[in-house]
mmCIF file of all heavy atoms, coordinates in Angstrom:
data_MODEL
# 
_entry.id   MODEL 
# 
loop_
_atom_site.group_PDB 
_atom_site.id 
_atom_site.type_symbol 
_atom_site.label_atom_id 
_atom_site.label_alt_id 
_atom_site.label_comp_id 
_atom_site.label_asym_id 
_atom_site.label_entity_id 
_atom_site.label_seq_id 
_atom_site.pdbx_PDB_ins_code 
_atom_site.Cartn_x 
_atom_site.Cartn_y 
_atom_site.Cartn_z 
_atom_site.occupancy 
_atom_site.B_iso_or_equiv 
_atom_site.pdbx_formal_charge 
_atom_site.auth_seq_id 
_atom_site.auth_comp_id 
_atom_site.auth_asym_id 
_atom_site.auth_atom_id 
_atom_site.pdbx_PDB_model_num 
ATOM 1   N N   . ALA A 1 1  ? 91.613  124.754 116.098 1.00 0.00 ? 1  ALA A N   1 
ATOM 2   C CA  . ALA A 1 1  ? 92.292  126.015 116.050 1.00 0.00 ? 1  ALA A CA  1 
ATOM 3   C C   . ALA A 1 1  ? 93.619  125.847 116.957 1.00 0.00 ? 1  ALA A C   1 
ATOM 4   O O   . ALA A 1 1  ? 94.649  126.429 116.608 1.00 0.00 ? 1  ALA A O   1 
ATOM 5   C CB  . ALA A 1 1  ? 91.564  127.201 116.468 1.00 0.00 ? 1  ALA A CB  1 
ATOM 6   N N   . ASN A 1 2  ? 93.599  125.082 118.006 1.00 0.00 ? 2  ASN A N   1 
ATOM 7   C CA  . ASN A 1 2  ? 94.690  124.805 118.916 1.00 0.00 ? 2  ASN A CA  1 
ATOM 8   C C   . ASN A 1 2  ? 95.747  123.908 118.357 1.00 0.00 ? 2  ASN A C   1 
ATOM 9   O O   . ASN A 1 2  ? 96.794  123.637 118.994 1.00 0.00 ? 2  ASN A O   1 
ATOM 10  C CB  . ASN A 1 2  ? 94.270  124.511 120.342 1.00 0.00 ? 2  ASN A CB  1 
ATOM 11  C CG  . ASN A 1 2  ? 93.678  123.141 120.441 1.00 0.00 ? 2  ASN A CG  1 
ATOM 12  O OD1 . ASN A 1 2  ? 93.572  122.395 119.373 1.00 0.00 ? 2  ASN A OD1 1 
ATOM 13  N ND2 . ASN A 1 2  ? 93.289  122.691 121.564 1.00 0.00 ? 2  ASN A ND2 1 
ATOM 14  N N   . GLY A 1 3  ? 95.422  123.262 117.222 1.00 0.00 ? 3  GLY A N   1 
ATOM 15  C CA  . GLY A 1 3  ? 96.314  122.271 116.638 1.00 0.00 ? 3  GLY A CA  1 
ATOM 16  C C   . GLY A 1 3  ? 96.008  120.857 116.882 1.00 0.00 ? 3  GLY A C   1 
ATOM 17  O O   . GLY A 1 3  ? 96.559  119.853 116.217 1.00 0.00 ? 3  GLY A O   1 
ATOM 18  N N   . ASP A 1 4  ? 95.089  120.494 117.811 1.00 0.00 ? 4  ASP A N   1 
ATOM 19  C CA  . ASP A 1 4  ? 94.610  119.151 118.003 1.00 0.00 ? 4  ASP A CA  1 
ATOM 20  C C   . ASP A 1 4  ? 93.942  118.666 116.686 1.00 0.00 ? 4  ASP A C   1 
ATOM 21  O O   . ASP A 1 4  ? 93.351  119.508 115.969 1.00 0.00 ? 4  ASP A O   1 
ATOM 22  C CB  . ASP A 1 4  ? 93.564  118.977 119.136 1.00 0.00 ? 4  ASP A CB  1 
ATOM 23  C CG  . ASP A 1 4  ? 94.187  119.296 120.454 1.00 0.00 ? 4  ASP A CG  1 
ATOM 24  O OD1 . ASP A 1 4  ? 95.364  119.510 120.620 1.00 0.00 ? 4  ASP A OD1 1 
ATOM 25  O OD2 . ASP A 1 4  ? 93.448  119.345 121.474 1.00 0.00 ? 4  ASP A OD2 1 
ATOM 26  N N   . ILE A 1 5  ? 93.956  117.350 116.426 1.00 0.00 ? 5  ILE A N   1 
ATOM 27  C CA  . ILE A 1 5  ? 93.315  116.744 115.261 1.00 0.00 ? 5  ILE A CA  1 
ATOM 28  C C   . ILE A 1 5  ? 92.475  115.504 115.634 1.00 0.00 ? 5  ILE A C   1 
ATOM 29  O O   . ILE A 1 5  ? 92.961  114.667 116.312 1.00 0.00 ? 5  ILE A O   1 
ATOM 30  C CB  . ILE A 1 5  ? 94.396  116.352 114.211 1.00 0.00 ? 5  ILE A CB  1 
ATOM 31  C CG1 . ILE A 1 5  ? 95.230  117.579 113.782 1.00 0.00 ? 5  ILE A CG1 1 
ATOM 32  C CG2 . ILE A 1 5  ? 93.745  115.624 113.010 1.00 0.00 ? 5  ILE A CG2 1 
ATOM 33  C CD1 . ILE A 1 5  ? 96.396  117.236 112.859 1.00 0.00 ? 5  ILE A CD1 1 
ATOM 34  N N   . TYR A 1 6  ? 91.272  115.465 115.039 1.00 0.00 ? 6  TYR A N   1 
ATOM 35  C CA  . TYR A 1 6  ? 90.474  114.251 115.158 1.00 0.00 ? 6  TYR A CA  1 
ATOM 36  C C   . TYR A 1 6  ? 90.294  113.699 113.775 1.00 0.00 ? 6  TYR A C   1 
ATOM 37  O O   . TYR A 1 6  ? 89.859  114.414 112.856 1.00 0.00 ? 6  TYR A O   1 
ATOM 38  C CB  . TYR A 1 6  ? 89.052  114.551 115.835 1.00 0.00 ? 6  TYR A CB  1 
ATOM 39  C CG  . TYR A 1 6  ? 88.192  113.419 115.677 1.00 0.00 ? 6  TYR A CG  1 
ATOM 40  C CD1 . TYR A 1 6  ? 88.313  112.235 116.680 1.00 0.00 ? 6  TYR A CD1 1 
ATOM 41  C CD2 . TYR A 1 6  ? 87.183  113.364 114.815 1.00 0.00 ? 6  TYR A CD2 1 
ATOM 42  C CE1 . TYR A 1 6  ? 87.481  111.213 116.507 1.00 0.00 ? 6  TYR A CE1 1 
ATOM 43  C CE2 . TYR A 1 6  ? 86.284  112.277 114.663 1.00 0.00 ? 6  TYR A CE2 1 
ATOM 44  C CZ  . TYR A 1 6  ? 86.464  111.123 115.567 1.00 0.00 ? 6  TYR A CZ  1 
ATOM 45  O OH  . TYR A 1 6  ? 85.612  110.074 115.440 1.00 0.00 ? 6  TYR A OH  1 
ATOM 46  N N   . GLN A 1 7  ? 90.573  112.394 113.682 1.00 0.00 ? 7  GLN A N   1 
ATOM 47  C CA  . GLN A 1 7  ? 90.254  111.682 112.411 1.00 0.00 ? 7  GLN A CA  1 
ATOM 48  C C   . GLN A 1 7  ? 89.389  110.501 112.768 1.00 0.00 ? 7  GLN A C   1 
ATOM 49  O O   . GLN A 1 7  ? 89.838  109.657 113.564 1.00 0.00 ? 7  GLN A O   1 
ATOM 50  C CB  . GLN A 1 7  ? 91.626  111.164 111.767 1.00 0.00 ? 7  GLN A CB  1 
ATOM 51  C CG  . GLN A 1 7  ? 92.550  112.284 111.300 1.00 0.00 ? 7  GLN A CG  1 
ATOM 52  C CD  . GLN A 1 7  ? 93.851  111.701 110.795 1.00 0.00 ? 7  GLN A CD  1 
ATOM 53  O OE1 . GLN A 1 7  ? 94.604  111.152 111.578 1.00 0.00 ? 7  GLN A OE1 1 
ATOM 54  N NE2 . GLN A 1 7  ? 94.022  111.876 109.519 1.00 0.00 ? 7  GLN A NE2 1 
ATOM 55  N N   . GLY A 1 8  ? 88.353  110.455 112.077 1.00 0.00 ? 8  GLY A N   1 
ATOM 56  C CA  . GLY A 1 8  ? 87.488  109.272 112.358 1.00 0.00 ? 8  GLY A CA  1 
ATOM 57  C C   . GLY A 1 8  ? 85.981  109.454 111.914 1.00 0.00 ? 8  GLY A C   1 
ATOM 58  O O   . GLY A 1 8  ? 85.714  110.360 111.023 1.00 0.00 ? 8  GLY A O   1 
ATOM 59  N N   . ASN A 1 9  ? 85.170  108.762 112.584 1.00 0.00 ? 9  ASN A N   1 
ATOM 60  C CA  . ASN A 1 9  ? 83.735  108.785 112.206 1.00 0.00 ? 9  ASN A CA  1 
ATOM 61  C C   . ASN A 1 9  ? 83.012  109.902 112.854 1.00 0.00 ? 9  ASN A C   1 
ATOM 62  O O   . ASN A 1 9  ? 83.218  110.305 114.067 1.00 0.00 ? 9  ASN A O   1 
ATOM 63  C CB  . ASN A 1 9  ? 83.100  107.442 112.528 1.00 0.00 ? 9  ASN A CB  1 
ATOM 64  C CG  . ASN A 1 9  ? 81.795  107.283 111.863 1.00 0.00 ? 9  ASN A CG  1 
ATOM 65  O OD1 . ASN A 1 9  ? 81.754  107.233 110.618 1.00 0.00 ? 9  ASN A OD1 1 
ATOM 66  N ND2 . ASN A 1 9  ? 80.726  107.118 112.541 1.00 0.00 ? 9  ASN A ND2 1 
ATOM 67  N N   . TRP A 1 10 ? 81.975  110.515 112.115 1.00 0.00 ? 10 TRP A N   1 
ATOM 68  C CA  . TRP A 1 10 ? 81.080  111.531 112.645 1.00 0.00 ? 10 TRP A CA  1 
ATOM 69  C C   . TRP A 1 10 ? 79.612  111.069 112.409 1.00 0.00 ? 10 TRP A C   1 
ATOM 70  O O   . TRP A 1 10 ? 79.290  110.381 111.540 1.00 0.00 ? 10 TRP A O   1 
ATOM 71  C CB  . TRP A 1 10 ? 81.319  112.797 111.907 1.00 0.00 ? 10 TRP A CB  1 
ATOM 72  C CG  . TRP A 1 10 ? 82.663  113.406 112.021 1.00 0.00 ? 10 TRP A CG  1 
ATOM 73  C CD1 . TRP A 1 10 ? 83.790  113.013 111.541 1.00 0.00 ? 10 TRP A CD1 1 
ATOM 74  C CD2 . TRP A 1 10 ? 82.961  114.505 113.003 1.00 0.00 ? 10 TRP A CD2 1 
ATOM 75  N NE1 . TRP A 1 10 ? 84.835  113.839 111.928 1.00 0.00 ? 10 TRP A NE1 1 
ATOM 76  C CE2 . TRP A 1 10 ? 84.256  114.722 112.815 1.00 0.00 ? 10 TRP A CE2 1 
ATOM 77  C CE3 . TRP A 1 10 ? 82.187  115.303 113.745 1.00 0.00 ? 10 TRP A CE3 1 
ATOM 78  C CZ2 . TRP A 1 10 ? 84.963  115.759 113.543 1.00 0.00 ? 10 TRP A CZ2 1 
ATOM 79  C CZ3 . TRP A 1 10 ? 82.804  116.304 114.504 1.00 0.00 ? 10 TRP A CZ3 1 
ATOM 80  C CH2 . TRP A 1 10 ? 84.136  116.541 114.376 1.00 0.00 ? 10 TRP A CH2 1 
ATOM 81  N N   . GLU A 1 11 ? 78.821  111.394 113.366 1.00 0.00 ? 11 GLU A N   1 
ATOM 82  C CA  . GLU A 1 11 ? 77.372  111.159 113.325 1.00 0.00 ? 11 GLU A CA  1 
ATOM 83  C C   . GLU A 1 11 ? 76.663  112.411 113.763 1.00 0.00 ? 11 GLU A C   1 
ATOM 84  O O   . GLU A 1 11 ? 76.988  112.875 114.905 1.00 0.00 ? 11 GLU A O   1 
ATOM 85  C CB  . GLU A 1 11 ? 76.876  109.932 114.118 1.00 0.00 ? 11 GLU A CB  1 
ATOM 86  C CG  . GLU A 1 11 ? 77.272  108.666 113.540 1.00 0.00 ? 11 GLU A CG  1 
ATOM 87  C CD  . GLU A 1 11 ? 76.820  107.463 114.420 1.00 0.00 ? 11 GLU A CD  1 
ATOM 88  O OE1 . GLU A 1 11 ? 75.833  107.609 115.216 1.00 0.00 ? 11 GLU A OE1 1 
ATOM 89  O OE2 . GLU A 1 11 ? 77.398  106.423 114.257 1.00 0.00 ? 11 GLU A OE2 1 
ATOM 90  N N   . ASN A 1 12 ? 75.820  112.950 112.913 1.00 0.00 ? 12 ASN A N   1 
ATOM 91  C CA  . ASN A 1 12 ? 74.949  114.110 113.338 1.00 0.00 ? 12 ASN A CA  1 
ATOM 92  C C   . ASN A 1 12 ? 75.766  115.271 113.933 1.00 0.00 ? 12 ASN A C   1 
ATOM 93  O O   . ASN A 1 12 ? 75.404  115.763 114.975 1.00 0.00 ? 12 ASN A O   1 
ATOM 94  C CB  . ASN A 1 12 ? 73.856  113.661 114.353 1.00 0.00 ? 12 ASN A CB  1 
ATOM 95  C CG  . ASN A 1 12 ? 72.665  114.524 114.355 1.00 0.00 ? 12 ASN A CG  1 
ATOM 96  O OD1 . ASN A 1 12 ? 72.462  115.209 113.404 1.00 0.00 ? 12 ASN A OD1 1 
ATOM 97  N ND2 . ASN A 1 12 ? 71.992  114.520 115.451 1.00 0.00 ? 12 ASN A ND2 1 
ATOM 98  N N   . ASP A 1 13 ? 76.866  115.627 113.304 1.00 0.00 ? 13 ASP A N   1 
ATOM 99  C CA  . ASP A 1 13 ? 77.780  116.680 113.664 1.00 0.00 ? 13 ASP A CA  1 
ATOM 100 C C   . ASP A 1 13 ? 78.671  116.371 114.914 1.00 0.00 ? 13 ASP A C   1 
ATOM 101 O O   . ASP A 1 13 ? 79.171  117.330 115.466 1.00 0.00 ? 13 ASP A O   1 
ATOM 102 C CB  . ASP A 1 13 ? 76.972  117.987 113.935 1.00 0.00 ? 13 ASP A CB  1 
ATOM 103 C CG  . ASP A 1 13 ? 77.256  118.981 112.816 1.00 0.00 ? 13 ASP A CG  1 
ATOM 104 O OD1 . ASP A 1 13 ? 78.091  118.760 111.954 1.00 0.00 ? 13 ASP A OD1 1 
ATOM 105 O OD2 . ASP A 1 13 ? 76.715  120.153 112.972 1.00 0.00 ? 13 ASP A OD2 1 
ATOM 106 N N   . LYS A 1 14 ? 78.716  115.118 115.319 1.00 0.00 ? 14 LYS A N   1 
ATOM 107 C CA  . LYS A 1 14 ? 79.475  114.890 116.531 1.00 0.00 ? 14 LYS A CA  1 
ATOM 108 C C   . LYS A 1 14 ? 80.491  113.696 116.291 1.00 0.00 ? 14 LYS A C   1 
ATOM 109 O O   . LYS A 1 14 ? 80.211  112.789 115.517 1.00 0.00 ? 14 LYS A O   1 
ATOM 110 C CB  . LYS A 1 14 ? 78.574  114.534 117.687 1.00 0.00 ? 14 LYS A CB  1 
ATOM 111 C CG  . LYS A 1 14 ? 77.678  115.585 118.105 1.00 0.00 ? 14 LYS A CG  1 
ATOM 112 C CD  . LYS A 1 14 ? 76.857  115.221 119.292 1.00 0.00 ? 14 LYS A CD  1 
ATOM 113 C CE  . LYS A 1 14 ? 76.091  116.417 119.734 1.00 0.00 ? 14 LYS A CE  1 
ATOM 114 N NZ  . LYS A 1 14 ? 75.222  116.153 120.863 1.00 0.00 ? 14 LYS A NZ  1 
ATOM 115 N N   . MET A 1 15 ? 81.617  113.844 116.994 1.00 0.00 ? 15 MET A N   1 
ATOM 116 C CA  . MET A 1 15 ? 82.562  112.661 116.935 1.00 0.00 ? 15 MET A CA  1 
ATOM 117 C C   . MET A 1 15 ? 81.869  111.471 117.536 1.00 0.00 ? 15 MET A C   1 
ATOM 118 O O   . MET A 1 15 ? 81.427  111.527 118.690 1.00 0.00 ? 15 MET A O   1 
ATOM 119 C CB  . MET A 1 15 ? 83.882  112.997 117.730 1.00 0.00 ? 15 MET A CB  1 
ATOM 120 C CG  . MET A 1 15 ? 84.593  114.187 117.132 1.00 0.00 ? 15 MET A CG  1 
ATOM 121 S SD  . MET A 1 15 ? 86.115  114.512 118.157 1.00 0.00 ? 15 MET A SD  1 
ATOM 122 C CE  . MET A 1 15 ? 85.387  115.586 119.357 1.00 0.00 ? 15 MET A CE  1 
ATOM 123 N N   . SER A 1 16 ? 81.811  110.318 116.789 1.00 0.00 ? 16 SER A N   1 
ATOM 124 C CA  . SER A 1 16 ? 81.062  109.191 117.140 1.00 0.00 ? 16 SER A CA  1 
ATOM 125 C C   . SER A 1 16 ? 81.516  107.997 116.439 1.00 0.00 ? 16 SER A C   1 
ATOM 126 O O   . SER A 1 16 ? 81.648  108.027 115.185 1.00 0.00 ? 16 SER A O   1 
ATOM 127 C CB  . SER A 1 16 ? 79.527  109.457 116.963 1.00 0.00 ? 16 SER A CB  1 
ATOM 128 O OG  . SER A 1 16 ? 78.780  108.341 117.448 1.00 0.00 ? 16 SER A OG  1 
ATOM 129 N N   . GLY A 1 17 ? 81.769  106.934 117.148 1.00 0.00 ? 17 GLY A N   1 
ATOM 130 C CA  . GLY A 1 17 ? 82.321  105.708 116.502 1.00 0.00 ? 17 GLY A CA  1 
ATOM 131 C C   . GLY A 1 17 ? 83.761  105.621 116.688 1.00 0.00 ? 17 GLY A C   1 
ATOM 132 O O   . GLY A 1 17 ? 84.289  106.189 117.596 1.00 0.00 ? 17 GLY A O   1 
ATOM 133 N N   . GLN A 1 18 ? 84.478  105.057 115.819 1.00 0.00 ? 18 GLN A N   1 
ATOM 134 C CA  . GLN A 1 18 ? 85.839  104.765 115.845 1.00 0.00 ? 18 GLN A CA  1 
ATOM 135 C C   . GLN A 1 18 ? 86.643  106.072 115.348 1.00 0.00 ? 18 GLN A C   1 
ATOM 136 O O   . GLN A 1 18 ? 86.180  106.632 114.361 1.00 0.00 ? 18 GLN A O   1 
ATOM 137 C CB  . GLN A 1 18 ? 86.395  103.597 115.018 1.00 0.00 ? 18 GLN A CB  1 
ATOM 138 C CG  . GLN A 1 18 ? 85.977  102.275 115.592 1.00 0.00 ? 18 GLN A CG  1 
ATOM 139 C CD  . GLN A 1 18 ? 86.615  101.932 116.916 1.00 0.00 ? 18 GLN A CD  1 
ATOM 140 O OE1 . GLN A 1 18 ? 87.752  102.110 117.136 1.00 0.00 ? 18 GLN A OE1 1 
ATOM 141 N NE2 . GLN A 1 18 ? 85.809  101.586 117.835 1.00 0.00 ? 18 GLN A NE2 1 
ATOM 142 N N   . GLY A 1 19 ? 87.752  106.442 116.091 1.00 0.00 ? 19 GLY A N   1 
ATOM 143 C CA  . GLY A 1 19 ? 88.511  107.565 115.641 1.00 0.00 ? 19 GLY A CA  1 
ATOM 144 C C   . GLY A 1 19 ? 89.815  107.607 116.455 1.00 0.00 ? 19 GLY A C   1 
ATOM 145 O O   . GLY A 1 19 ? 90.097  106.936 117.333 1.00 0.00 ? 19 GLY A O   1 
ATOM 146 N N   . THR A 1 20 ? 90.650  108.613 115.947 1.00 0.00 ? 20 THR A N   1 
ATOM 147 C CA  . THR A 1 20 ? 91.955  108.904 116.628 1.00 0.00 ? 20 THR A CA  1 
ATOM 148 C C   . THR A 1 20 ? 91.901  110.460 116.898 1.00 0.00 ? 20 THR A C   1 
ATOM 149 O O   . THR A 1 20 ? 91.673  111.192 115.981 1.00 0.00 ? 20 THR A O   1 
ATOM 150 C CB  . THR A 1 20 ? 93.067  108.574 115.698 1.00 0.00 ? 20 THR A CB  1 
ATOM 151 O OG1 . THR A 1 20 ? 92.995  107.153 115.381 1.00 0.00 ? 20 THR A OG1 1 
ATOM 152 C CG2 . THR A 1 20 ? 94.393  108.975 116.306 1.00 0.00 ? 20 THR A CG2 1 
ATOM 153 N N   . TYR A 1 21 ? 92.232  110.762 118.212 1.00 0.00 ? 21 TYR A N   1 
ATOM 154 C CA  . TYR A 1 21 ? 92.432  112.122 118.573 1.00 0.00 ? 21 TYR A CA  1 
ATOM 155 C C   . TYR A 1 21 ? 93.857  112.353 118.891 1.00 0.00 ? 21 TYR A C   1 
ATOM 156 O O   . TYR A 1 21 ? 94.398  111.604 119.773 1.00 0.00 ? 21 TYR A O   1 
ATOM 157 C CB  . TYR A 1 21 ? 91.519  112.426 119.769 1.00 0.00 ? 21 TYR A CB  1 
ATOM 158 C CG  . TYR A 1 21 ? 91.337  113.937 120.061 1.00 0.00 ? 21 TYR A CG  1 
ATOM 159 C CD1 . TYR A 1 21 ? 90.175  114.488 119.659 1.00 0.00 ? 21 TYR A CD1 1 
ATOM 160 C CD2 . TYR A 1 21 ? 92.346  114.648 120.710 1.00 0.00 ? 21 TYR A CD2 1 
ATOM 161 C CE1 . TYR A 1 21 ? 90.059  115.951 119.853 1.00 0.00 ? 21 TYR A CE1 1 
ATOM 162 C CE2 . TYR A 1 21 ? 92.133  115.997 120.926 1.00 0.00 ? 21 TYR A CE2 1 
ATOM 163 C CZ  . TYR A 1 21 ? 91.019  116.638 120.504 1.00 0.00 ? 21 TYR A CZ  1 
ATOM 164 O OH  . TYR A 1 21 ? 90.908  117.969 120.786 1.00 0.00 ? 21 TYR A OH  1 
ATOM 165 N N   . THR A 1 22 ? 94.430  113.261 118.200 1.00 0.00 ? 22 THR A N   1 
ATOM 166 C CA  . THR A 1 22 ? 95.946  113.616 118.473 1.00 0.00 ? 22 THR A CA  1 
ATOM 167 C C   . THR A 1 22 ? 96.046  114.995 119.005 1.00 0.00 ? 22 THR A C   1 
ATOM 168 O O   . THR A 1 22 ? 95.553  115.944 118.445 1.00 0.00 ? 22 THR A O   1 
ATOM 169 C CB  . THR A 1 22 ? 96.617  113.492 117.167 1.00 0.00 ? 22 THR A CB  1 
ATOM 170 O OG1 . THR A 1 22 ? 96.486  112.213 116.606 1.00 0.00 ? 22 THR A OG1 1 
ATOM 171 C CG2 . THR A 1 22 ? 98.156  113.693 117.383 1.00 0.00 ? 22 THR A CG2 1 
ATOM 172 N N   . PHE A 1 23 ? 96.525  115.054 120.280 1.00 0.00 ? 23 PHE A N   1 
ATOM 173 C CA  . PHE A 1 23 ? 96.675  116.418 120.890 1.00 0.00 ? 23 PHE A CA  1 
ATOM 174 C C   . PHE A 1 23 ? 97.988  117.083 120.252 1.00 0.00 ? 23 PHE A C   1 
ATOM 175 O O   . PHE A 1 23 ? 98.861  116.431 119.753 1.00 0.00 ? 23 PHE A O   1 
ATOM 176 C CB  . PHE A 1 23 ? 96.883  116.238 122.386 1.00 0.00 ? 23 PHE A CB  1 
ATOM 177 C CG  . PHE A 1 23 ? 95.647  115.785 123.055 1.00 0.00 ? 23 PHE A CG  1 
ATOM 178 C CD1 . PHE A 1 23 ? 95.372  114.468 123.151 1.00 0.00 ? 23 PHE A CD1 1 
ATOM 179 C CD2 . PHE A 1 23 ? 94.736  116.717 123.632 1.00 0.00 ? 23 PHE A CD2 1 
ATOM 180 C CE1 . PHE A 1 23 ? 94.164  113.944 123.823 1.00 0.00 ? 23 PHE A CE1 1 
ATOM 181 C CE2 . PHE A 1 23 ? 93.590  116.248 124.199 1.00 0.00 ? 23 PHE A CE2 1 
ATOM 182 C CZ  . PHE A 1 23 ? 93.312  114.847 124.367 1.00 0.00 ? 23 PHE A CZ  1 
ATOM 183 N N   . VAL A 1 24 ? 98.045  118.397 120.348 1.00 0.00 ? 24 VAL A N   1 
ATOM 184 C CA  . VAL A 1 24 ? 99.118  119.145 119.724 1.00 0.00 ? 24 VAL A CA  1 
ATOM 185 C C   . VAL A 1 24 ? 100.433 118.703 120.351 1.00 0.00 ? 24 VAL A C   1 
ATOM 186 O O   . VAL A 1 24 ? 101.495 118.779 119.683 1.00 0.00 ? 24 VAL A O   1 
ATOM 187 C CB  . VAL A 1 24 ? 98.832  120.664 119.836 1.00 0.00 ? 24 VAL A CB  1 
ATOM 188 C CG1 . VAL A 1 24 ? 98.996  121.196 121.292 1.00 0.00 ? 24 VAL A CG1 1 
ATOM 189 C CG2 . VAL A 1 24 ? 99.695  121.463 118.931 1.00 0.00 ? 24 VAL A CG2 1 
ATOM 190 N N   . ASN A 1 25 ? 100.483 118.155 121.598 1.00 0.00 ? 25 ASN A N   1 
ATOM 191 C CA  . ASN A 1 25 ? 101.769 117.815 122.232 1.00 0.00 ? 25 ASN A CA  1 
ATOM 192 C C   . ASN A 1 25 ? 102.073 116.357 121.887 1.00 0.00 ? 25 ASN A C   1 
ATOM 193 O O   . ASN A 1 25 ? 103.175 115.878 122.290 1.00 0.00 ? 25 ASN A O   1 
ATOM 194 C CB  . ASN A 1 25 ? 101.630 117.950 123.725 1.00 0.00 ? 25 ASN A CB  1 
ATOM 195 C CG  . ASN A 1 25 ? 100.658 116.901 124.348 1.00 0.00 ? 25 ASN A CG  1 
ATOM 196 O OD1 . ASN A 1 25 ? 100.021 116.042 123.698 1.00 0.00 ? 25 ASN A OD1 1 
ATOM 197 N ND2 . ASN A 1 25 ? 100.511 116.956 125.734 1.00 0.00 ? 25 ASN A ND2 1 
ATOM 198 N N   . GLY A 1 26 ? 101.305 115.660 121.042 1.00 0.00 ? 26 GLY A N   1 
ATOM 199 C CA  . GLY A 1 26 ? 101.656 114.302 120.588 1.00 0.00 ? 26 GLY A CA  1 
ATOM 200 C C   . GLY A 1 26 ? 100.963 113.212 121.265 1.00 0.00 ? 26 GLY A C   1 
ATOM 201 O O   . GLY A 1 26 ? 100.944 112.084 120.838 1.00 0.00 ? 26 GLY A O   1 
# 
């Protein structure tokens, strides 16, 4: 909701494994 974005792997409803987290400020 704040604009941050996570793209990557999920396991059992959680961010887990390889991914990219981009904060709203870049």
